[in-house]
Protein backbone atom coordinates (compact mmCIF):
# COMPACT_ATOMS: atom_id res chain seq x y z
CA GLN A 1 0.13 -0.11 0.16
CA VAL A 2 1.01 3.39 -0.58
CA ASP A 3 1.29 6.07 2.18
CA TRP A 4 -0.09 9.00 0.52
CA LYS A 5 0.53 11.45 3.22
CA ALA A 6 4.08 10.78 2.96
CA PHE A 7 4.04 10.73 -0.75
CA PHE A 8 2.35 14.16 -1.03
CA THR A 9 4.56 15.59 1.73
CA ALA A 10 7.58 14.42 -0.25
CA LEU A 11 6.22 16.07 -3.40
CA ASP A 12 5.53 19.29 -1.33
CA ALA A 13 9.20 19.04 0.23
CA ALA A 14 10.56 18.74 -3.30
CA GLY A 15 8.74 21.66 -4.62
CA PHE A 16 6.49 20.08 -6.96
CA LYS A 17 3.98 22.32 -8.71
CA GLY A 18 2.65 19.94 -11.18
CA ASP A 19 -1.07 18.81 -11.83
CA LEU A 20 -2.45 15.66 -10.33
CA CYS A 21 -4.43 13.23 -12.75
CA ILE A 22 -7.14 10.61 -11.02
CA GLU A 23 -7.57 8.26 -13.62
CA ARG A 24 -10.59 5.57 -13.35
CA GLU A 25 -10.94 3.54 -16.55
CA ALA A 26 -13.27 0.65 -15.73
CA GLY A 27 -16.68 0.17 -13.62
CA LYS A 28 -20.17 1.49 -14.01
CA GLN A 29 -19.46 4.54 -11.43
CA ARG A 30 -16.55 6.09 -12.68
CA VAL A 31 -17.50 9.67 -12.08
CA VAL A 32 -18.39 8.62 -8.30
CA ASP A 33 -15.18 7.01 -7.83
CA ILE A 34 -13.33 9.86 -9.16
CA ARG A 35 -14.99 12.32 -6.95
CA THR A 36 -14.22 10.03 -4.00
CA ALA A 37 -10.51 9.99 -4.98
CA ARG A 38 -10.31 13.74 -5.15
CA GLU A 39 -11.88 14.00 -1.60
CA PHE A 40 -9.63 11.63 -0.28
CA VAL A 41 -6.54 13.67 -2.00
CA GLU A 42 -8.04 17.01 -0.61
CA LYS A 43 -8.43 15.66 3.24
CA LEU A 44 -4.65 14.88 2.80
CA GLN A 45 -3.57 18.55 2.37
C-alpha cells in the first residue's frame, strides 16, 4: 500500500508544482469513484 500522506509530503518538500491526474478506466461508477478519490486527496492537504 502507498503511504499517500508521506507521498504528497515528499512532493511538497521537493517543490513539486505540477498537476495531479486521477484516472479511472473501468466500472459503472467512474464519476463517483473519481469524486471519492478527489475528496480523499483533498483531505491529505
